[in-house]
């Protein structure tokens, strides 16, 4: 974790887990995409796209199925080198289910 700016409070990062699985999804603009997951936490994931031109905007809403984990929804939090980070929407995702499944992986990234 990086040091926060003076006067700022450090926000602990959720543990990340190495998880390799296929992802199929759809953007809010109804564009389908296929991808692979690089790593995942209870709050989000890093996704490697097979077609980098599909995800073009930060904050774009996505709905996706992650092989072995189920359905997830969230917002694009960053785009870089054919990958994107997604922040899961707590109201759309059962974070307790995700947390339990990730703990069973026991493979921190």
PDB file of N, CA and C in Angstrom:
ATOM      1  N   UNK A   1       0.850  -1.169   0.000  1.00  0.00           N
ATOM      2  CA  UNK A   1       0.000   0.000   0.000  1.00  0.00           C
ATOM      3  C   UNK A   1       0.896   1.232   0.000  1.00  0.00           C
ATOM      4  N   UNK A   2       0.522   2.246  -0.754  1.00  0.00           N
ATOM      5  CA  UNK A   2       1.294   3.477  -0.788  1.00  0.00           C
ATOM      6  C   UNK A   2       0.930   4.329   0.419  1.00  0.00           C
ATOM      7  N   UNK A   3       1.804   5.253   0.750  1.00  0.00           N
ATOM      8  CA  UNK A   3       1.537   6.144   1.871  1.00  0.00           C
ATOM      9  C   UNK A   3       0.516   7.183   1.456  1.00  0.00           C
ATOM     10  N   UNK A   4      -0.462   7.472   2.329  1.00  0.00           N
ATOM     11  CA  UNK A   4      -1.455   8.490   1.980  1.00  0.00           C
ATOM     12  C   UNK A   4      -0.840   9.881   2.038  1.00  0.00           C
ATOM     13  N   UNK A   5      -1.499  10.808   1.376  1.00  0.00           N
ATOM     14  CA  UNK A   5      -1.063  12.201   1.424  1.00  0.00           C
ATOM     15  C   UNK A   5      -1.192  12.700   2.858  1.00  0.00           C
ATOM     16  N   UNK A   6      -0.385  13.707   3.239  1.00  0.00           N
ATOM     17  CA  UNK A   6      -0.482  14.241   4.599  1.00  0.00           C
ATOM     18  C   UNK A   6      -1.927  14.639   4.916  1.00  0.00           C
ATOM     19  N   UNK A   7      -2.419  14.205   6.063  1.00  0.00           N
ATOM     20  CA  UNK A   7      -3.783  14.526   6.472  1.00  0.00           C
ATOM     21  C   UNK A   7      -4.824  13.557   5.954  1.00  0.00           C
ATOM     22  N   UNK A   8      -4.459  12.679   5.026  1.00  0.00           N
ATOM     23  CA  UNK A   8      -5.414  11.714   4.463  1.00  0.00           C
ATOM     24  C   UNK A   8      -5.373  10.432   5.286  1.00  0.00           C
ATOM     25  N   UNK A   9      -6.447   9.699   5.240  1.00  0.00           N
ATOM     26  CA  UNK A   9      -6.535   8.427   5.950  1.00  0.00           C
ATOM     27  C   UNK A   9      -6.268   7.296   4.972  1.00  0.00           C
ATOM     28  N   UNK A  10      -5.415   6.363   5.372  1.00  0.00           N
ATOM     29  CA  UNK A  10      -5.126   5.207   4.521  1.00  0.00           C
ATOM     30  C   UNK A  10      -6.335   4.281   4.517  1.00  0.00           C
ATOM     31  N   UNK A  11      -6.727   3.854   3.354  1.00  0.00           N
ATOM     32  CA  UNK A  11      -7.832   2.910   3.220  1.00  0.00           C
ATOM     33  C   UNK A  11      -7.224   1.554   2.906  1.00  0.00           C
ATOM     34  N   UNK A  12      -7.407   0.578   3.806  1.00  0.00           N
ATOM     35  CA  UNK A  12      -6.811  -0.729   3.547  1.00  0.00           C
ATOM     36  C   UNK A  12      -7.396  -1.368   2.293  1.00  0.00           C
ATOM     37  N   UNK A  13      -6.546  -1.993   1.537  1.00  0.00           N
ATOM     38  CA  UNK A  13      -6.962  -2.663   0.318  1.00  0.00           C
ATOM     39  C   UNK A  13      -7.431  -4.076   0.652  1.00  0.00           C
ATOM     40  N   UNK A  14      -8.489  -4.511   0.001  1.00  0.00           N
ATOM     41  CA  UNK A  14      -8.969  -5.880   0.207  1.00  0.00           C
ATOM     42  C   UNK A  14      -7.931  -6.853  -0.332  1.00  0.00           C
ATOM     43  N   UNK A  15      -7.734  -7.993   0.330  1.00  0.00           N
ATOM     44  CA  UNK A  15      -6.771  -8.981  -0.179  1.00  0.00           C
ATOM     45  C   UNK A  15      -7.125  -9.409  -1.607  1.00  0.00           C
ATOM     46  N   UNK A  16      -6.113  -9.502  -2.435  1.00  0.00           N
ATOM     47  CA  UNK A  16      -6.314  -9.937  -3.816  1.00  0.00           C
ATOM     48  C   UNK A  16      -5.907 -11.393  -3.947  1.00  0.00           C
ATOM     49  N   UNK A  17      -6.631 -12.110  -4.795  1.00  0.00           N
ATOM     50  CA  UNK A  17      -6.390 -13.525  -4.985  1.00  0.00           C
ATOM     51  C   UNK A  17      -6.102 -13.807  -6.449  1.00  0.00           C
ATOM     52  N   UNK A  18      -5.079 -14.626  -6.692  1.00  0.00           N
ATOM     53  CA  UNK A  18      -4.798 -15.075  -8.051  1.00  0.00           C
ATOM     54  C   UNK A  18      -5.935 -16.003  -8.446  1.00  0.00           C
ATOM     55  N   UNK A  19      -6.574 -15.689  -9.532  1.00  0.00           N
ATOM     56  CA  UNK A  19      -7.685 -16.525  -9.994  1.00  0.00           C
ATOM     57  C   UNK A  19      -7.726 -16.412 -11.503  1.00  0.00           C
ATOM     58  N   UNK A  20      -7.615 -17.504 -12.181  1.00  0.00           N
ATOM     59  CA  UNK A  20      -7.646 -17.503 -13.641  1.00  0.00           C
ATOM     60  C   UNK A  20      -8.929 -18.186 -14.085  1.00  0.00           C
ATOM     61  N   UNK A  21      -9.775 -17.441 -14.743  1.00  0.00           N
ATOM     62  CA  UNK A  21     -11.026 -17.996 -15.229  1.00  0.00           C
ATOM     63  C   UNK A  21     -11.549 -17.160 -16.384  1.00  0.00           C
ATOM     64  N   UNK A  22     -12.378 -17.766 -17.195  1.00  0.00           N
ATOM     65  CA  UNK A  22     -12.970 -17.063 -18.337  1.00  0.00           C
ATOM     66  C   UNK A  22     -14.063 -16.107 -17.848  1.00  0.00           C
ATOM     67  N   UNK A  23     -14.184 -15.001 -18.556  1.00  0.00           N
ATOM     68  CA  UNK A  23     -15.194 -13.995 -18.252  1.00  0.00           C
ATOM     69  C   UNK A  23     -15.963 -13.710 -19.533  1.00  0.00           C
ATOM     70  N   UNK A  24     -17.278 -13.699 -19.441  1.00  0.00           N
ATOM     71  CA  UNK A  24     -18.124 -13.224 -20.541  1.00  0.00           C
ATOM     72  C   UNK A  24     -18.963 -12.095 -19.975  1.00  0.00           C
ATOM     73  N   UNK A  25     -19.111 -11.033 -20.738  1.00  0.00           N
ATOM     74  CA  UNK A  25     -19.847  -9.903 -20.193  1.00  0.00           C
ATOM     75  C   UNK A  25     -20.473  -9.028 -21.239  1.00  0.00           C
ATOM     76  N   UNK A  26     -21.117  -7.991 -20.727  1.00  0.00           N
ATOM     77  CA  UNK A  26     -21.819  -7.039 -21.567  1.00  0.00           C
ATOM     78  C   UNK A  26     -21.702  -5.665 -20.911  1.00  0.00           C
ATOM     79  N   UNK A  27     -21.471  -4.650 -21.726  1.00  0.00           N
ATOM     80  CA  UNK A  27     -21.389  -3.280 -21.221  1.00  0.00           C
ATOM     81  C   UNK A  27     -22.782  -2.663 -21.185  1.00  0.00           C
ATOM     82  N   UNK A  28     -22.879  -1.503 -20.541  1.00  0.00           N
ATOM     83  CA  UNK A  28     -24.145  -0.766 -20.503  1.00  0.00           C
ATOM     84  C   UNK A  28     -24.579  -0.357 -21.912  1.00  0.00           C
ATOM     85  N   UNK A  29     -23.615  -0.261 -22.839  1.00  0.00           N
ATOM     86  CA  UNK A  29     -23.916   0.077 -24.231  1.00  0.00           C
ATOM     87  C   UNK A  29     -24.276  -1.175 -25.031  1.00  0.00           C
ATOM     88  N   UNK A  30     -24.490  -2.300 -24.337  1.00  0.00           N
ATOM     89  CA  UNK A  30     -24.895  -3.578 -24.916  1.00  0.00           C
ATOM     90  C   UNK A  30     -23.840  -4.186 -25.842  1.00  0.00           C
ATOM     91  N   UNK A  31     -22.558  -3.922 -25.544  1.00  0.00           N
ATOM     92  CA  UNK A  31     -21.467  -4.546 -26.284  1.00  0.00           C
ATOM     93  C   UNK A  31     -20.994  -5.769 -25.509  1.00  0.00           C
ATOM     94  N   UNK A  32     -20.945  -6.914 -26.185  1.00  0.00           N
ATOM     95  CA  UNK A  32     -20.481  -8.144 -25.550  1.00  0.00           C
ATOM     96  C   UNK A  32     -18.958  -8.167 -25.533  1.00  0.00           C
ATOM     97  N   UNK A  33     -18.398  -8.803 -24.497  1.00  0.00           N
ATOM     98  CA  UNK A  33     -16.946  -8.980 -24.455  1.00  0.00           C
ATOM     99  C   UNK A  33     -16.609 -10.321 -23.819  1.00  0.00           C
ATOM    100  N   UNK A  34     -15.455 -10.830 -24.230  1.00  0.00           N
ATOM    101  CA  UNK A  34     -14.867 -12.031 -23.638  1.00  0.00           C
ATOM    102  C   UNK A  34     -13.537 -11.613 -23.044  1.00  0.00           C
ATOM    103  N   UNK A  35     -13.195 -12.236 -21.931  1.00  0.00           N
ATOM    104  CA  UNK A  35     -11.978 -11.838 -21.239  1.00  0.00           C
ATOM    105  C   UNK A  35     -11.531 -12.969 -20.323  1.00  0.00           C
ATOM    106  N   UNK A  36     -10.446 -12.707 -19.634  1.00  0.00           N
ATOM    107  CA  UNK A  36      -9.924 -13.610 -18.608  1.00  0.00           C
ATOM    108  C   UNK A  36      -9.629 -12.789 -17.378  1.00  0.00           C
ATOM    109  N   UNK A  37      -9.883 -13.360 -16.235  1.00  0.00           N
ATOM    110  CA  UNK A  37      -9.615 -12.660 -14.991  1.00  0.00           C
ATOM    111  C   UNK A  37      -8.147 -12.850 -14.612  1.00  0.00           C
ATOM    112  N   UNK A  38      -7.501 -11.771 -14.168  1.00  0.00           N
ATOM    113  CA  UNK A  38      -6.111 -11.828 -13.702  1.00  0.00           C
ATOM    114  C   UNK A  38      -6.068 -12.064 -12.200  1.00  0.00           C
ATOM    115  N   UNK A  39      -6.831 -11.265 -11.469  1.00  0.00           N
ATOM    116  CA  UNK A  39      -6.940 -11.445 -10.019  1.00  0.00           C
ATOM    117  C   UNK A  39      -8.248 -10.831  -9.559  1.00  0.00           C
ATOM    118  N   UNK A  40      -8.626 -11.178  -8.320  1.00  0.00           N
ATOM    119  CA  UNK A  40      -9.921 -10.752  -7.807  1.00  0.00           C
ATOM    120  C   UNK A  40      -9.826 -10.503  -6.310  1.00  0.00           C
ATOM    121  N   UNK A  41     -10.646  -9.595  -5.849  1.00  0.00           N
ATOM    122  CA  UNK A  41     -10.801  -9.359  -4.414  1.00  0.00           C
ATOM    123  C   UNK A  41     -12.300  -9.301  -4.147  1.00  0.00           C
ATOM    124  N   UNK A  42     -12.681  -9.097  -2.907  1.00  0.00           N
ATOM    125  CA  UNK A  42     -14.100  -9.029  -2.620  1.00  0.00           C
ATOM    126  C   UNK A  42     -14.721  -7.734  -3.132  1.00  0.00           C
ATOM    127  N   UNK A  43     -13.904  -6.761  -3.533  1.00  0.00           N
ATOM    128  CA  UNK A  43     -14.430  -5.483  -4.001  1.00  0.00           C
ATOM    129  C   UNK A  43     -14.261  -5.236  -5.492  1.00  0.00           C
ATOM    130  N   UNK A  44     -13.465  -6.075  -6.175  1.00  0.00           N
ATOM    131  CA  UNK A  44     -13.253  -5.839  -7.589  1.00  0.00           C
ATOM    132  C   UNK A  44     -12.331  -6.866  -8.211  1.00  0.00           C
ATOM    133  N   UNK A  45     -12.016  -6.633  -9.486  1.00  0.00           N
ATOM    134  CA  UNK A  45     -11.183  -7.582 -10.211  1.00  0.00           C
ATOM    135  C   UNK A  45     -10.403  -6.876 -11.305  1.00  0.00           C
ATOM    136  N   UNK A  46      -9.287  -7.512 -11.702  1.00  0.00           N
ATOM    137  CA  UNK A  46      -8.506  -7.077 -12.858  1.00  0.00           C
ATOM    138  C   UNK A  46      -8.823  -8.042 -13.985  1.00  0.00           C
ATOM    139  N   UNK A  47      -9.242  -7.508 -15.111  1.00  0.00           N
ATOM    140  CA  UNK A  47      -9.730  -8.301 -16.232  1.00  0.00           C
ATOM    141  C   UNK A  47      -8.863  -8.057 -17.460  1.00  0.00           C
ATOM    142  N   UNK A  48      -8.419  -9.137 -18.114  1.00  0.00           N
ATOM    143  CA  UNK A  48      -7.649  -9.065 -19.366  1.00  0.00           C
ATOM    144  C   UNK A  48      -8.623  -9.298 -20.513  1.00  0.00           C
ATOM    145  N   UNK A  49      -8.787  -8.299 -21.360  1.00  0.00           N
ATOM    146  CA  UNK A  49      -9.726  -8.397 -22.488  1.00  0.00           C
ATOM    147  C   UNK A  49      -9.127  -9.166 -23.654  1.00  0.00           C
ATOM    148  N   UNK A  50      -9.970  -9.868 -24.397  1.00  0.00           N
ATOM    149  CA  UNK A  50      -9.542 -10.468 -25.654  1.00  0.00           C
ATOM    150  C   UNK A  50      -9.779  -9.492 -26.799  1.00  0.00           C
ATOM    151  N   UNK A  51     -10.647  -8.487 -26.593  1.00  0.00           N
ATOM    152  CA  UNK A  51     -10.907  -7.440 -27.571  1.00  0.00           C
ATOM    153  C   UNK A  51     -10.839  -6.103 -26.843  1.00  0.00           C
ATOM    154  N   UNK A  52      -9.661  -5.494 -26.838  1.00  0.00           N
ATOM    155  CA  UNK A  52      -9.412  -4.300 -26.034  1.00  0.00           C
ATOM    156  C   UNK A  52     -10.267  -3.101 -26.417  1.00  0.00           C
ATOM    157  N   UNK A  53     -10.835  -3.067 -27.599  1.00  0.00           N
ATOM    158  CA  UNK A  53     -11.596  -1.891 -28.029  1.00  0.00           C
ATOM    159  C   UNK A  53     -12.995  -1.829 -27.429  1.00  0.00           C
ATOM    160  N   UNK A  54     -13.433  -2.862 -26.730  1.00  0.00           N
ATOM    161  CA  UNK A  54     -14.795  -2.884 -26.191  1.00  0.00           C
ATOM    162  C   UNK A  54     -14.943  -1.967 -24.985  1.00  0.00           C
ATOM    163  N   UNK A  55     -13.999  -1.998 -24.070  1.00  0.00           N
ATOM    164  CA  UNK A  55     -14.070  -1.176 -22.861  1.00  0.00           C
ATOM    165  C   UNK A  55     -13.271   0.099 -23.116  1.00  0.00           C
ATOM    166  N   UNK A  56     -13.980   1.220 -23.242  1.00  0.00           N
ATOM    167  CA  UNK A  56     -13.315   2.457 -23.630  1.00  0.00           C
ATOM    168  C   UNK A  56     -13.478   3.591 -22.634  1.00  0.00           C
ATOM    169  N   UNK A  57     -14.347   3.433 -21.640  1.00  0.00           N
ATOM    170  CA  UNK A  57     -14.632   4.533 -20.723  1.00  0.00           C
ATOM    171  C   UNK A  57     -14.580   4.086 -19.272  1.00  0.00           C
ATOM    172  N   UNK A  58     -13.910   4.893 -18.446  1.00  0.00           N
ATOM    173  CA  UNK A  58     -13.988   4.686 -17.007  1.00  0.00           C
ATOM    174  C   UNK A  58     -15.423   4.929 -16.569  1.00  0.00           C
ATOM    175  N   UNK A  59     -15.835   4.258 -15.528  1.00  0.00           N
ATOM    176  CA  UNK A  59     -17.175   4.360 -14.951  1.00  0.00           C
ATOM    177  C   UNK A  59     -18.239   3.672 -15.805  1.00  0.00           C
ATOM    178  N   UNK A  60     -17.848   3.013 -16.891  1.00  0.00           N
ATOM    179  CA  UNK A  60     -18.787   2.257 -17.708  1.00  0.00           C
ATOM    180  C   UNK A  60     -19.318   1.087 -16.889  1.00  0.00           C
ATOM    181  N   UNK A  61     -20.616   0.898 -16.873  1.00  0.00           N
ATOM    182  CA  UNK A  61     -21.221  -0.204 -16.130  1.00  0.00           C
ATOM    183  C   UNK A  61     -21.069  -1.488 -16.935  1.00  0.00           C
ATOM    184  N   UNK A  62     -20.678  -2.558 -16.254  1.00  0.00           N
ATOM    185  CA  UNK A  62     -20.547  -3.867 -16.895  1.00  0.00           C
ATOM    186  C   UNK A  62     -21.255  -4.928 -16.063  1.00  0.00           C
ATOM    187  N   UNK A  63     -21.759  -5.916 -16.763  1.00  0.00           N
ATOM    188  CA  UNK A  63     -22.347  -7.104 -16.151  1.00  0.00           C
ATOM    189  C   UNK A  63     -21.579  -8.276 -16.728  1.00  0.00           C
ATOM    190  N   UNK A  64     -21.154  -9.209 -15.874  1.00  0.00           N
ATOM    191  CA  UNK A  64     -20.333 -10.289 -16.397  1.00  0.00           C
ATOM    192  C   UNK A  64     -20.492 -11.564 -15.575  1.00  0.00           C
ATOM    193  N   UNK A  65     -20.144 -12.661 -16.228  1.00  0.00           N
ATOM    194  CA  UNK A  65     -20.120 -13.951 -15.565  1.00  0.00           C
ATOM    195  C   UNK A  65     -18.667 -14.397 -15.485  1.00  0.00           C
ATOM    196  N   UNK A  66     -18.208 -14.694 -14.260  1.00  0.00           N
ATOM    197  CA  UNK A  66     -16.853 -15.175 -14.049  1.00  0.00           C
ATOM    198  C   UNK A  66     -16.934 -16.672 -13.786  1.00  0.00           C
ATOM    199  N   UNK A  67     -16.271 -17.425 -14.646  1.00  0.00           N
ATOM    200  CA  UNK A  67     -16.275 -18.885 -14.546  1.00  0.00           C
ATOM    201  C   UNK A  67     -15.915 -19.326 -13.125  1.00  0.00           C
ATOM    202  N   UNK A  68     -16.760 -20.140 -12.554  1.00  0.00           N
ATOM    203  CA  UNK A  68     -16.514 -20.681 -11.228  1.00  0.00           C
ATOM    204  C   UNK A  68     -16.956 -19.787 -10.078  1.00  0.00           C
ATOM    205  N   UNK A  69     -17.294 -18.525 -10.376  1.00  0.00           N
ATOM    206  CA  UNK A  69     -17.704 -17.602  -9.318  1.00  0.00           C
ATOM    207  C   UNK A  69     -19.105 -17.037  -9.502  1.00  0.00           C
ATOM    208  N   UNK A  70     -19.589 -16.968 -10.746  1.00  0.00           N
ATOM    209  CA  UNK A  70     -20.952 -16.498 -10.970  1.00  0.00           C
ATOM    210  C   UNK A  70     -21.048 -15.115 -11.567  1.00  0.00           C
ATOM    211  N   UNK A  71     -22.224 -14.504 -11.383  1.00  0.00           N
ATOM    212  CA  UNK A  71     -22.564 -13.211 -11.973  1.00  0.00           C
ATOM    213  C   UNK A  71     -22.043 -12.063 -11.119  1.00  0.00           C
ATOM    214  N   UNK A  72     -21.514 -11.035 -11.791  1.00  0.00           N
ATOM    215  CA  UNK A  72     -21.018  -9.834 -11.130  1.00  0.00           C
ATOM    216  C   UNK A  72     -21.420  -8.615 -11.938  1.00  0.00           C
ATOM    217  N   UNK A  73     -21.649  -7.523 -11.227  1.00  0.00           N
ATOM    218  CA  UNK A  73     -21.926  -6.241 -11.867  1.00  0.00           C
ATOM    219  C   UNK A  73     -21.072  -5.196 -11.197  1.00  0.00           C
ATOM    220  N   UNK A  74     -20.681  -4.194 -11.967  1.00  0.00           N
ATOM    221  CA  UNK A  74     -19.867  -3.131 -11.383  1.00  0.00           C
ATOM    222  C   UNK A  74     -19.517  -2.075 -12.400  1.00  0.00           C
ATOM    223  N   UNK A  75     -18.634  -1.194 -11.999  1.00  0.00           N
ATOM    224  CA  UNK A  75     -18.205  -0.074 -12.833  1.00  0.00           C
ATOM    225  C   UNK A  75     -16.719  -0.191 -13.139  1.00  0.00           C
ATOM    226  N   UNK A  76     -16.356   0.158 -14.364  1.00  0.00           N
ATOM    227  CA  UNK A  76     -14.950   0.169 -14.758  1.00  0.00           C
ATOM    228  C   UNK A  76     -14.245   1.248 -13.935  1.00  0.00           C
ATOM    229  N   UNK A  77     -13.178   0.847 -13.249  1.00  0.00           N
ATOM    230  CA  UNK A  77     -12.450   1.763 -12.374  1.00  0.00           C
ATOM    231  C   UNK A  77     -11.123   2.209 -12.988  1.00  0.00           C
ATOM    232  N   UNK A  78     -10.706   1.577 -14.074  1.00  0.00           N
ATOM    233  CA  UNK A  78      -9.468   1.947 -14.747  1.00  0.00           C
ATOM    234  C   UNK A  78      -9.250   1.093 -15.973  1.00  0.00           C
ATOM    235  N   UNK A  79      -8.607   1.658 -16.972  1.00  0.00           N
ATOM    236  CA  UNK A  79      -8.328   0.959 -18.230  1.00  0.00           C
ATOM    237  C   UNK A  79      -6.841   1.104 -18.507  1.00  0.00           C
ATOM    238  N   UNK A  80      -6.179  -0.023 -18.831  1.00  0.00           N
ATOM    239  CA  UNK A  80      -4.739   0.038 -19.088  1.00  0.00           C
ATOM    240  C   UNK A  80      -4.285  -1.177 -19.877  1.00  0.00           C
ATOM    241  N   UNK A  81      -3.568  -0.957 -20.958  1.00  0.00           N
ATOM    242  CA  UNK A  81      -2.913  -2.009 -21.748  1.00  0.00           C
ATOM    243  C   UNK A  81      -3.783  -3.239 -22.031  1.00  0.00           C
ATOM    244  N   UNK A  82      -4.983  -3.043 -22.549  1.00  0.00           N
ATOM    245  CA  UNK A  82      -5.843  -4.173 -22.885  1.00  0.00           C
ATOM    246  C   UNK A  82      -6.504  -4.833 -21.686  1.00  0.00           C
ATOM    247  N   UNK A  83      -6.410  -4.177 -20.550  1.00  0.00           N
ATOM    248  CA  UNK A  83      -7.031  -4.682 -19.322  1.00  0.00           C
ATOM    249  C   UNK A  83      -7.912  -3.597 -18.738  1.00  0.00           C
ATOM    250  N   UNK A  84      -8.765  -4.025 -17.829  1.00  0.00           N
ATOM    251  CA  UNK A  84      -9.504  -3.041 -17.065  1.00  0.00           C
ATOM    252  C   UNK A  84      -9.734  -3.557 -15.652  1.00  0.00           C
ATOM    253  N   UNK A  85      -9.934  -2.616 -14.760  1.00  0.00           N
ATOM    254  CA  UNK A  85     -10.273  -2.947 -13.384  1.00  0.00           C
ATOM    255  C   UNK A  85     -11.751  -2.649 -13.212  1.00  0.00           C
ATOM    256  N   UNK A  86     -12.443  -3.532 -12.531  1.00  0.00           N
ATOM    257  CA  UNK A  86     -13.859  -3.320 -12.255  1.00  0.00           C
ATOM    258  C   UNK A  86     -14.056  -3.283 -10.749  1.00  0.00           C
ATOM    259  N   UNK A  87     -14.838  -2.316 -10.300  1.00  0.00           N
ATOM    260  CA  UNK A  87     -15.222  -2.235  -8.894  1.00  0.00           C
ATOM    261  C   UNK A  87     -16.637  -2.771  -8.796  1.00  0.00           C
ATOM    262  N   UNK A  88     -16.802  -3.850  -8.039  1.00  0.00           N
ATOM    263  CA  UNK A  88     -18.116  -4.471  -7.924  1.00  0.00           C
ATOM    264  C   UNK A  88     -19.093  -3.543  -7.227  1.00  0.00           C
ATOM    265  N   UNK A  89     -20.343  -3.603  -7.656  1.00  0.00           N
ATOM    266  CA  UNK A  89     -21.417  -2.848  -7.021  1.00  0.00           C
ATOM    267  C   UNK A  89     -21.962  -3.675  -5.873  1.00  0.00           C
ATOM    268  N   UNK A  90     -21.817  -3.167  -4.654  1.00  0.00           N
ATOM    269  CA  UNK A  90     -22.275  -3.892  -3.475  1.00  0.00           C
ATOM    270  C   UNK A  90     -23.752  -4.211  -3.511  1.00  0.00           C
ATOM    271  N   UNK A  91     -24.554  -3.340  -4.090  1.00  0.00           N
ATOM    272  CA  UNK A  91     -25.991  -3.592  -4.135  1.00  0.00           C
ATOM    273  C   UNK A  91     -26.347  -4.662  -5.166  1.00  0.00           C
ATOM    274  N   UNK A  92     -25.446  -4.901  -6.094  1.00  0.00           N
ATOM    275  CA  UNK A  92     -25.715  -5.866  -7.165  1.00  0.00           C
ATOM    276  C   UNK A  92     -25.054  -7.215  -6.926  1.00  0.00           C
ATOM    277  N   UNK A  93     -24.060  -7.259  -6.049  1.00  0.00           N
ATOM    278  CA  UNK A  93     -23.261  -8.464  -5.856  1.00  0.00           C
ATOM    279  C   UNK A  93     -23.371  -8.911  -4.402  1.00  0.00           C
ATOM    280  N   UNK A  94     -23.532 -10.181  -4.182  1.00  0.00           N
ATOM    281  CA  UNK A  94     -23.543 -10.730  -2.830  1.00  0.00           C
ATOM    282  C   UNK A  94     -22.094 -10.828  -2.350  1.00  0.00           C
ATOM    283  N   UNK A  95     -21.612  -9.751  -1.709  1.00  0.00           N
ATOM    284  CA  UNK A  95     -20.207  -9.695  -1.319  1.00  0.00           C
ATOM    285  C   UNK A  95     -19.850 -10.761  -0.287  1.00  0.00           C
ATOM    286  N   UNK A  96     -20.798 -11.178   0.531  1.00  0.00           N
ATOM    287  CA  UNK A  96     -20.526 -12.261   1.483  1.00  0.00           C
ATOM    288  C   UNK A  96     -20.218 -13.558   0.744  1.00  0.00           C
ATOM    289  N   UNK A  97     -20.960 -13.836  -0.319  1.00  0.00           N
ATOM    290  CA  UNK A  97     -20.716 -15.040  -1.129  1.00  0.00           C
ATOM    291  C   UNK A  97     -19.338 -14.961  -1.775  1.00  0.00           C
ATOM    292  N   UNK A  98     -18.996 -13.793  -2.311  1.00  0.00           N
ATOM    293  CA  UNK A  98     -17.694 -13.604  -2.947  1.00  0.00           C
ATOM    294  C   UNK A  98     -16.586 -13.801  -1.914  1.00  0.00           C
ATOM    295  N   UNK A  99     -16.735 -13.185  -0.758  1.00  0.00           N
ATOM    296  CA  UNK A  99     -15.744 -13.286   0.314  1.00  0.00           C
ATOM    297  C   UNK A  99     -15.512 -14.743   0.707  1.00  0.00           C
ATOM    298  N   UNK A 100     -16.591 -15.488   0.901  1.00  0.00           N
ATOM    299  CA  UNK A 100     -16.464 -16.905   1.279  1.00  0.00           C
ATOM    300  C   UNK A 100     -15.773 -17.711   0.195  1.00  0.00           C
ATOM    301  N   UNK A 101     -16.143 -17.480  -1.053  1.00  0.00           N
ATOM    302  CA  UNK A 101     -15.544 -18.220  -2.174  1.00  0.00           C
ATOM    303  C   UNK A 101     -14.058 -17.892  -2.288  1.00  0.00           C
ATOM    304  N   UNK A 102     -13.700 -16.627  -2.137  1.00  0.00           N
ATOM    305  CA  UNK A 102     -12.296 -16.228  -2.247  1.00  0.00           C
ATOM    306  C   UNK A 102     -11.459 -16.808  -1.119  1.00  0.00           C
ATOM    307  N   UNK A 103     -11.996 -16.825   0.072  1.00  0.00           N
ATOM    308  CA  UNK A 103     -11.256 -17.402   1.196  1.00  0.00           C
ATOM    309  C   UNK A 103     -10.974 -18.879   0.953  1.00  0.00           C
ATOM    310  N   UNK A 104     -11.873 -19.552   0.249  1.00  0.00           N
ATOM    311  CA  UNK A 104     -11.653 -20.976  -0.033  1.00  0.00           C
ATOM    312  C   UNK A 104     -10.532 -21.163  -1.052  1.00  0.00           C
ATOM    313  N   UNK A 105     -10.205 -20.120  -1.835  1.00  0.00           N
ATOM    314  CA  UNK A 105      -9.124 -20.232  -2.810  1.00  0.00           C
ATOM    315  C   UNK A 105      -7.767 -20.272  -2.125  1.00  0.00           C
ATOM    316  N   UNK A 106      -7.620 -19.458  -1.076  1.00  0.00           N
ATOM    317  CA  UNK A 106      -6.391 -19.427  -0.293  1.00  0.00           C
ATOM    318  C   UNK A 106      -5.148 -19.225  -1.169  1.00  0.00           C
ATOM    319  N   UNK A 107      -5.260 -18.352  -2.171  1.00  0.00           N
ATOM    320  CA  UNK A 107      -4.128 -18.082  -3.069  1.00  0.00           C
ATOM    321  C   UNK A 107      -4.005 -16.574  -3.245  1.00  0.00           C
ATOM    322  N   UNK A 108      -3.322 -15.907  -2.377  1.00  0.00           N
ATOM    323  CA  UNK A 108      -3.178 -14.458  -2.503  1.00  0.00           C
ATOM    324  C   UNK A 108      -2.271 -14.110  -3.670  1.00  0.00           C
ATOM    325  N   UNK A 109      -2.665 -13.075  -4.376  1.00  0.00           N
ATOM    326  CA  UNK A 109      -1.887 -12.622  -5.540  1.00  0.00           C
ATOM    327  C   UNK A 109      -0.732 -11.748  -5.091  1.00  0.00           C
TER     328      UNK A 109
END
